[in-house]
Structures are given as structure tokens and as C-alpha cells.
Amino acid sequence: MRTKFVQDGIQYEHADTKPDLVPGSVRRFTYGAEPQIIARVPLKGGGIIEIHGYGGHYNSDWATVDWNDNVHHFTCWVPAADVRRAAEGEWHGNYVAS
């Protein structure tokens, strides 16, 4: 899985968190109706970056954020507490093509 991405001209690498998920506990947002979200994504080596992306999969503890950097597509799991739906006019992400 690709972890290095560019945002605002700076290269980052997300931590690629792999949570222990209970089989059957994960749901997916309806295809084509994924919510625009803002997620606090942990970086490899420490730190956090705010990503404007789409919600993909989720359970009560974890969620995926999907985004692109105008070249590549990225997905990573983040704690659900670090994800929120974007308010009207707040979101400035890119369309995510799968």
C-alpha cells in the first residue's frame, strides 16, 4: 500500500495504522454517497496532518479516509474520534477515483 503523499507541495508519509478489526464489525458507506470528511491522520515518525477526504469503511472505533494528492489514491485507517464530517463550505479535498 502506498503511504507517501504530497500535500501543499510537501511530501508526507502516513503511519499506515492497521487496527485489529472484529470480523463482521466493519461497514461501508454507500458507494457514490461517501461523506466528505476531515481526518487527523498520524504520520510515520510522529505528528498529525489534517486530510480532507471521503469516508469509506467504519466501525465504532475506526474509520478509513480516502483521498488523492492529484496523482495517487490513498486510504488509511484512523481512530473514529479523529474523523468528522466537513461543515458546509469547509471541505477542500479532491475527487477520489478508485
N, C-alpha and C. Protein backbone atom coordinates (compact mmCIF):
# COMPACT_ATOMS: atom_id res chain seq x y z
N MET A 1 0.84 -1.17 0.00
CA MET A 1 0.00 0.00 0.00
C MET A 1 0.90 1.25 0.00
N ARG A 2 0.54 2.20 -0.80
CA ARG A 2 1.27 3.45 -0.92
C ARG A 2 1.01 4.32 0.32
N THR A 3 2.09 4.84 0.92
CA THR A 3 1.94 5.65 2.13
C THR A 3 2.49 7.07 1.98
N LYS A 4 3.34 7.31 0.98
CA LYS A 4 3.92 8.64 0.78
C LYS A 4 3.03 9.46 -0.14
N PHE A 5 2.71 10.68 0.29
CA PHE A 5 1.84 11.55 -0.48
C PHE A 5 2.32 12.99 -0.37
N VAL A 6 1.81 13.83 -1.25
CA VAL A 6 2.18 15.25 -1.27
C VAL A 6 0.93 16.06 -0.95
N GLN A 7 1.09 17.00 -0.03
CA GLN A 7 0.01 17.94 0.29
C GLN A 7 0.63 19.32 0.41
N ASP A 8 0.06 20.26 -0.32
CA ASP A 8 0.56 21.64 -0.33
C ASP A 8 2.05 21.69 -0.65
N GLY A 9 2.49 20.84 -1.58
CA GLY A 9 3.87 20.84 -2.04
C GLY A 9 4.87 20.16 -1.12
N ILE A 10 4.41 19.57 -0.03
CA ILE A 10 5.29 18.91 0.95
C ILE A 10 4.99 17.42 0.94
N GLN A 11 6.04 16.60 0.95
CA GLN A 11 5.85 15.15 0.99
C GLN A 11 5.72 14.67 2.43
N TYR A 12 4.73 13.80 2.65
CA TYR A 12 4.47 13.19 3.95
C TYR A 12 4.39 11.68 3.77
N GLU A 13 4.42 10.97 4.89
CA GLU A 13 4.18 9.54 4.87
C GLU A 13 3.26 9.21 6.05
N HIS A 14 2.07 8.67 5.74
CA HIS A 14 1.16 8.34 6.83
C HIS A 14 1.62 7.05 7.51
N ALA A 15 1.20 6.89 8.76
CA ALA A 15 1.69 5.80 9.61
C ALA A 15 1.16 4.42 9.21
N ASP A 16 0.16 4.36 8.34
CA ASP A 16 -0.40 3.10 7.87
C ASP A 16 -0.84 2.21 9.03
N THR A 17 -1.66 2.79 9.90
CA THR A 17 -2.19 2.07 11.06
C THR A 17 -3.02 0.88 10.60
N LYS A 18 -2.81 -0.24 11.24
CA LYS A 18 -3.57 -1.46 10.91
C LYS A 18 -4.27 -1.95 12.19
N PRO A 19 -5.50 -1.48 12.40
CA PRO A 19 -6.21 -1.88 13.62
C PRO A 19 -6.63 -3.35 13.60
N ASP A 20 -6.80 -3.91 14.79
CA ASP A 20 -7.41 -5.24 14.92
C ASP A 20 -8.91 -5.05 14.78
N LEU A 21 -9.48 -5.59 13.73
CA LEU A 21 -10.91 -5.43 13.49
C LEU A 21 -11.62 -6.76 13.68
N VAL A 22 -12.72 -6.72 14.39
CA VAL A 22 -13.53 -7.91 14.61
C VAL A 22 -14.27 -8.23 13.32
N PRO A 23 -14.15 -9.46 12.82
CA PRO A 23 -14.87 -9.82 11.60
C PRO A 23 -16.35 -9.50 11.72
N GLY A 24 -16.88 -8.88 10.69
CA GLY A 24 -18.30 -8.53 10.67
C GLY A 24 -18.63 -7.21 11.32
N SER A 25 -17.62 -6.53 11.91
CA SER A 25 -17.89 -5.26 12.60
C SER A 25 -17.75 -4.05 11.69
N VAL A 26 -17.18 -4.22 10.50
CA VAL A 26 -16.90 -3.09 9.62
C VAL A 26 -18.03 -2.92 8.60
N ARG A 27 -18.43 -1.68 8.42
CA ARG A 27 -19.45 -1.33 7.43
C ARG A 27 -18.85 -0.41 6.40
N ARG A 28 -19.53 -0.25 5.28
CA ARG A 28 -19.07 0.64 4.24
C ARG A 28 -20.17 1.65 3.93
N PHE A 29 -19.75 2.91 3.71
CA PHE A 29 -20.71 3.90 3.27
C PHE A 29 -21.19 3.51 1.88
N THR A 30 -22.39 3.92 1.53
CA THR A 30 -22.97 3.60 0.22
C THR A 30 -22.07 4.14 -0.88
N TYR A 31 -21.75 3.26 -1.84
CA TYR A 31 -20.90 3.65 -2.96
C TYR A 31 -21.52 4.84 -3.70
N GLY A 32 -20.72 5.86 -3.94
CA GLY A 32 -21.19 7.07 -4.61
C GLY A 32 -21.78 8.10 -3.68
N ALA A 33 -21.99 7.74 -2.41
CA ALA A 33 -22.56 8.67 -1.44
C ALA A 33 -21.67 8.77 -0.20
N GLU A 34 -20.37 8.53 -0.39
CA GLU A 34 -19.43 8.60 0.72
C GLU A 34 -19.37 10.03 1.25
N PRO A 35 -19.35 10.22 2.56
CA PRO A 35 -19.34 11.57 3.12
C PRO A 35 -17.98 12.25 2.96
N GLN A 36 -18.02 13.56 2.78
CA GLN A 36 -16.79 14.35 2.79
C GLN A 36 -16.40 14.52 4.26
N ILE A 37 -15.18 14.12 4.57
CA ILE A 37 -14.73 14.14 5.96
C ILE A 37 -13.41 14.87 6.10
N ILE A 38 -13.10 15.22 7.33
CA ILE A 38 -11.80 15.77 7.69
C ILE A 38 -11.25 14.86 8.78
N ALA A 39 -10.06 14.31 8.53
CA ALA A 39 -9.48 13.32 9.44
C ALA A 39 -8.09 13.77 9.89
N ARG A 40 -7.79 13.50 11.13
CA ARG A 40 -6.45 13.73 11.67
C ARG A 40 -5.67 12.44 11.46
N VAL A 41 -4.75 12.46 10.50
CA VAL A 41 -4.02 11.26 10.08
C VAL A 41 -2.64 11.25 10.71
N PRO A 42 -2.29 10.17 11.43
CA PRO A 42 -0.96 10.09 12.05
C PRO A 42 0.12 9.86 10.98
N LEU A 43 1.24 10.53 11.17
CA LEU A 43 2.37 10.41 10.25
C LEU A 43 3.42 9.45 10.78
N LYS A 44 4.09 8.77 9.88
CA LYS A 44 5.19 7.91 10.26
C LYS A 44 6.27 8.79 10.89
N GLY A 45 6.80 8.38 12.01
CA GLY A 45 7.81 9.17 12.70
C GLY A 45 7.24 10.21 13.65
N GLY A 46 5.91 10.28 13.74
CA GLY A 46 5.26 11.21 14.67
C GLY A 46 4.60 12.37 13.94
N GLY A 47 3.70 12.99 14.64
CA GLY A 47 2.97 14.12 14.08
C GLY A 47 1.63 13.70 13.50
N ILE A 48 0.85 14.70 13.15
CA ILE A 48 -0.50 14.51 12.62
C ILE A 48 -0.68 15.50 11.48
N ILE A 49 -1.42 15.09 10.45
CA ILE A 49 -1.79 16.01 9.38
C ILE A 49 -3.30 15.91 9.17
N GLU A 50 -3.92 17.03 8.86
CA GLU A 50 -5.35 17.05 8.60
C GLU A 50 -5.57 16.76 7.11
N ILE A 51 -6.37 15.73 6.85
CA ILE A 51 -6.67 15.32 5.48
C ILE A 51 -8.15 15.55 5.20
N HIS A 52 -8.45 16.17 4.07
CA HIS A 52 -9.81 16.33 3.59
C HIS A 52 -10.03 15.24 2.56
N GLY A 53 -10.87 14.28 2.90
CA GLY A 53 -11.09 13.14 2.02
C GLY A 53 -12.52 12.63 2.12
N TYR A 54 -12.69 11.38 1.78
CA TYR A 54 -14.00 10.74 1.84
C TYR A 54 -13.97 9.60 2.84
N GLY A 55 -15.10 9.38 3.51
CA GLY A 55 -15.23 8.23 4.39
C GLY A 55 -15.46 6.99 3.54
N GLY A 56 -14.86 5.89 3.92
CA GLY A 56 -15.02 4.65 3.18
C GLY A 56 -15.65 3.58 4.04
N HIS A 57 -14.87 3.00 4.94
CA HIS A 57 -15.31 1.94 5.85
C HIS A 57 -15.24 2.46 7.27
N TYR A 58 -16.02 1.83 8.15
CA TYR A 58 -16.04 2.30 9.53
C TYR A 58 -16.62 1.24 10.46
N ASN A 59 -16.28 1.38 11.74
CA ASN A 59 -16.99 0.70 12.82
C ASN A 59 -17.02 1.69 13.97
N SER A 60 -17.34 1.26 15.16
CA SER A 60 -17.48 2.21 16.27
C SER A 60 -16.14 2.81 16.71
N ASP A 61 -15.03 2.17 16.39
CA ASP A 61 -13.72 2.63 16.85
C ASP A 61 -12.81 3.18 15.76
N TRP A 62 -13.00 2.76 14.52
CA TRP A 62 -12.09 3.09 13.42
C TRP A 62 -12.86 3.51 12.18
N ALA A 63 -12.18 4.27 11.32
CA ALA A 63 -12.75 4.66 10.03
C ALA A 63 -11.63 4.80 9.01
N THR A 64 -11.96 4.63 7.74
CA THR A 64 -10.97 4.89 6.71
C THR A 64 -11.23 6.25 6.11
N VAL A 65 -10.14 6.91 5.75
CA VAL A 65 -10.21 8.14 4.98
C VAL A 65 -9.55 7.84 3.64
N ASP A 66 -10.22 8.21 2.56
CA ASP A 66 -9.73 8.03 1.20
C ASP A 66 -9.49 9.41 0.60
N TRP A 67 -8.34 9.59 -0.03
CA TRP A 67 -8.02 10.88 -0.64
C TRP A 67 -7.02 10.67 -1.77
N ASN A 68 -6.76 11.73 -2.53
CA ASN A 68 -5.69 11.66 -3.51
C ASN A 68 -4.89 12.95 -3.46
N ASP A 69 -3.67 12.86 -3.99
CA ASP A 69 -2.79 14.03 -4.00
C ASP A 69 -2.61 14.55 -5.42
N ASN A 70 -3.64 14.38 -6.23
CA ASN A 70 -3.67 14.75 -7.64
C ASN A 70 -2.86 13.80 -8.52
N VAL A 71 -2.24 12.79 -7.93
CA VAL A 71 -1.50 11.79 -8.70
C VAL A 71 -1.92 10.39 -8.28
N HIS A 72 -1.91 10.10 -6.97
CA HIS A 72 -2.18 8.76 -6.46
C HIS A 72 -3.35 8.77 -5.47
N HIS A 73 -3.95 7.60 -5.33
CA HIS A 73 -5.05 7.39 -4.38
C HIS A 73 -4.48 6.80 -3.09
N PHE A 74 -5.01 7.23 -1.95
CA PHE A 74 -4.56 6.76 -0.63
C PHE A 74 -5.76 6.39 0.22
N THR A 75 -5.55 5.41 1.10
CA THR A 75 -6.54 5.01 2.09
C THR A 75 -5.79 4.67 3.36
N CYS A 76 -6.29 5.12 4.49
CA CYS A 76 -5.72 4.66 5.75
C CYS A 76 -6.79 4.65 6.84
N TRP A 77 -6.56 3.80 7.83
CA TRP A 77 -7.43 3.71 9.00
C TRP A 77 -6.99 4.73 10.03
N VAL A 78 -7.96 5.39 10.63
CA VAL A 78 -7.69 6.33 11.72
C VAL A 78 -8.72 6.09 12.82
N PRO A 79 -8.40 6.44 14.05
CA PRO A 79 -9.40 6.31 15.11
C PRO A 79 -10.64 7.13 14.77
N ALA A 80 -11.81 6.58 15.00
CA ALA A 80 -13.06 7.27 14.68
C ALA A 80 -13.15 8.63 15.37
N ALA A 81 -12.56 8.75 16.54
CA ALA A 81 -12.58 10.03 17.26
C ALA A 81 -11.82 11.13 16.53
N ASP A 82 -10.97 10.75 15.57
CA ASP A 82 -10.18 11.72 14.82
C ASP A 82 -10.77 12.04 13.45
N VAL A 83 -12.04 11.68 13.26
CA VAL A 83 -12.72 11.91 11.99
C VAL A 83 -14.00 12.68 12.25
N ARG A 84 -14.27 13.65 11.38
CA ARG A 84 -15.55 14.37 11.48
C ARG A 84 -16.03 14.72 10.08
N ARG A 85 -17.33 14.86 9.95
CA ARG A 85 -17.90 15.31 8.67
C ARG A 85 -17.58 16.79 8.51
N ALA A 86 -17.25 17.17 7.29
CA ALA A 86 -16.93 18.57 7.00
C ALA A 86 -18.21 19.41 7.02
N ALA A 87 -18.09 20.60 7.57
CA ALA A 87 -19.21 21.55 7.57
C ALA A 87 -19.38 22.13 6.16
N GLU A 88 -20.52 22.68 5.88
CA GLU A 88 -20.81 23.28 4.58
C GLU A 88 -19.72 24.29 4.21
N GLY A 89 -19.10 24.11 3.06
CA GLY A 89 -18.08 25.02 2.56
C GLY A 89 -16.69 24.84 3.17
N GLU A 90 -16.53 23.92 4.11
CA GLU A 90 -15.25 23.72 4.81
C GLU A 90 -14.32 22.77 4.05
N TRP A 91 -14.88 21.81 3.36
CA TRP A 91 -14.11 20.76 2.72
C TRP A 91 -13.40 21.26 1.48
N HIS A 92 -12.12 20.94 1.33
CA HIS A 92 -11.39 21.34 0.12
C HIS A 92 -10.55 20.19 -0.42
N GLY A 93 -11.12 18.99 -0.38
CA GLY A 93 -10.42 17.82 -0.89
C GLY A 93 -10.56 17.69 -2.39
N ASN A 94 -10.08 16.56 -2.88
CA ASN A 94 -10.16 16.25 -4.30
C ASN A 94 -11.08 15.07 -4.52
N TYR A 95 -11.63 14.98 -5.72
CA TYR A 95 -12.42 13.82 -6.08
C TYR A 95 -11.52 12.60 -6.01
N VAL A 96 -12.00 11.53 -5.44
CA VAL A 96 -11.21 10.31 -5.30
C VAL A 96 -11.71 9.31 -6.34
N ALA A 97 -10.85 8.99 -7.28
CA ALA A 97 -11.19 7.97 -8.27
C ALA A 97 -10.59 6.66 -7.83
N SER A 98 -11.40 5.60 -7.79
CA SER A 98 -10.87 4.32 -7.34
C SER A 98 -10.32 3.50 -8.47
